[in-house]
Amino acid sequence: MPRCPKCGSTKVRKVEDKTKIVAVIGHTPRYKTYYICGNCTYQWDPEEQKSTE
């Protein structure tokens, strides 16, 4: 389960940004995803977090 990098909460949700298509597989678009913390409202990109670990 992901944790917020700012406050450490596990109360996060994954959101797709339908305005940013990153790939099209067949006829199905893949959208940019990011997380939002339900505790402190911090938003972050899960791909950026992987590259810093």
Protein backbone atom coordinates (compact mmCIF):
# COMPACT_ATOMS: atom_id res chain seq x y z
CA MET A 1 0.00 0.00 0.00
CA PRO A 2 1.43 3.40 -0.92
CA ARG A 3 2.23 5.97 1.74
CA CYS A 4 2.16 9.73 1.42
CA PRO A 5 5.75 10.99 1.14
CA LYS A 6 4.80 14.18 3.00
CA CYS A 7 2.86 12.94 6.05
CA GLY A 8 3.26 9.14 5.89
CA SER A 9 -0.49 8.42 5.78
CA THR A 10 -1.77 5.29 4.02
CA LYS A 11 -5.06 7.05 3.26
CA VAL A 12 -4.21 7.69 -0.40
CA ARG A 13 -6.11 7.23 -3.65
CA LYS A 14 -4.89 6.72 -7.18
CA VAL A 15 -6.31 9.10 -9.81
CA GLU A 16 -6.14 9.01 -13.62
CA ASP A 17 -5.62 12.37 -15.33
CA LYS A 18 -7.89 11.99 -18.37
CA THR A 19 -6.34 15.10 -19.95
CA LYS A 20 -2.93 13.40 -20.33
CA ILE A 21 -2.72 10.28 -22.52
CA VAL A 22 0.67 8.56 -22.13
CA ALA A 23 0.06 5.60 -24.48
CA VAL A 24 -2.57 3.91 -26.62
CA ILE A 25 -2.72 0.11 -26.49
CA GLY A 26 -5.01 -1.22 -29.19
CA HIS A 27 -7.86 1.27 -29.03
CA THR A 28 -7.54 1.84 -25.28
CA PRO A 29 -5.76 4.95 -24.02
CA ARG A 30 -3.51 4.80 -20.94
CA TYR A 31 -3.72 7.94 -18.84
CA LYS A 32 -1.22 9.63 -16.56
CA THR A 33 -1.78 8.54 -12.95
CA TYR A 34 -0.96 10.18 -9.66
CA TYR A 35 -1.80 9.80 -5.97
CA ILE A 36 -3.66 12.16 -3.64
CA CYS A 37 -3.31 11.91 0.13
CA GLY A 38 -6.64 11.91 1.95
CA ASN A 39 -4.97 13.28 5.07
CA CYS A 40 -2.89 16.28 3.89
CA THR A 41 -4.12 16.56 0.22
CA TYR A 42 -0.55 16.24 -1.14
CA GLN A 43 -0.39 15.07 -4.79
CA TRP A 44 2.49 13.10 -6.28
CA ASP A 45 3.46 11.03 -9.28
CA PRO A 46 4.11 7.36 -8.42
CA GLU A 47 6.70 7.14 -11.21
CA GLU A 48 8.74 10.01 -9.73
CA GLN A 49 8.61 8.36 -6.30
CA LYS A 50 10.01 5.07 -7.75
CA SER A 51 12.96 6.87 -9.33
CA THR A 52 13.99 8.46 -6.02
CA GLU A 53 13.97 5.19 -4.04
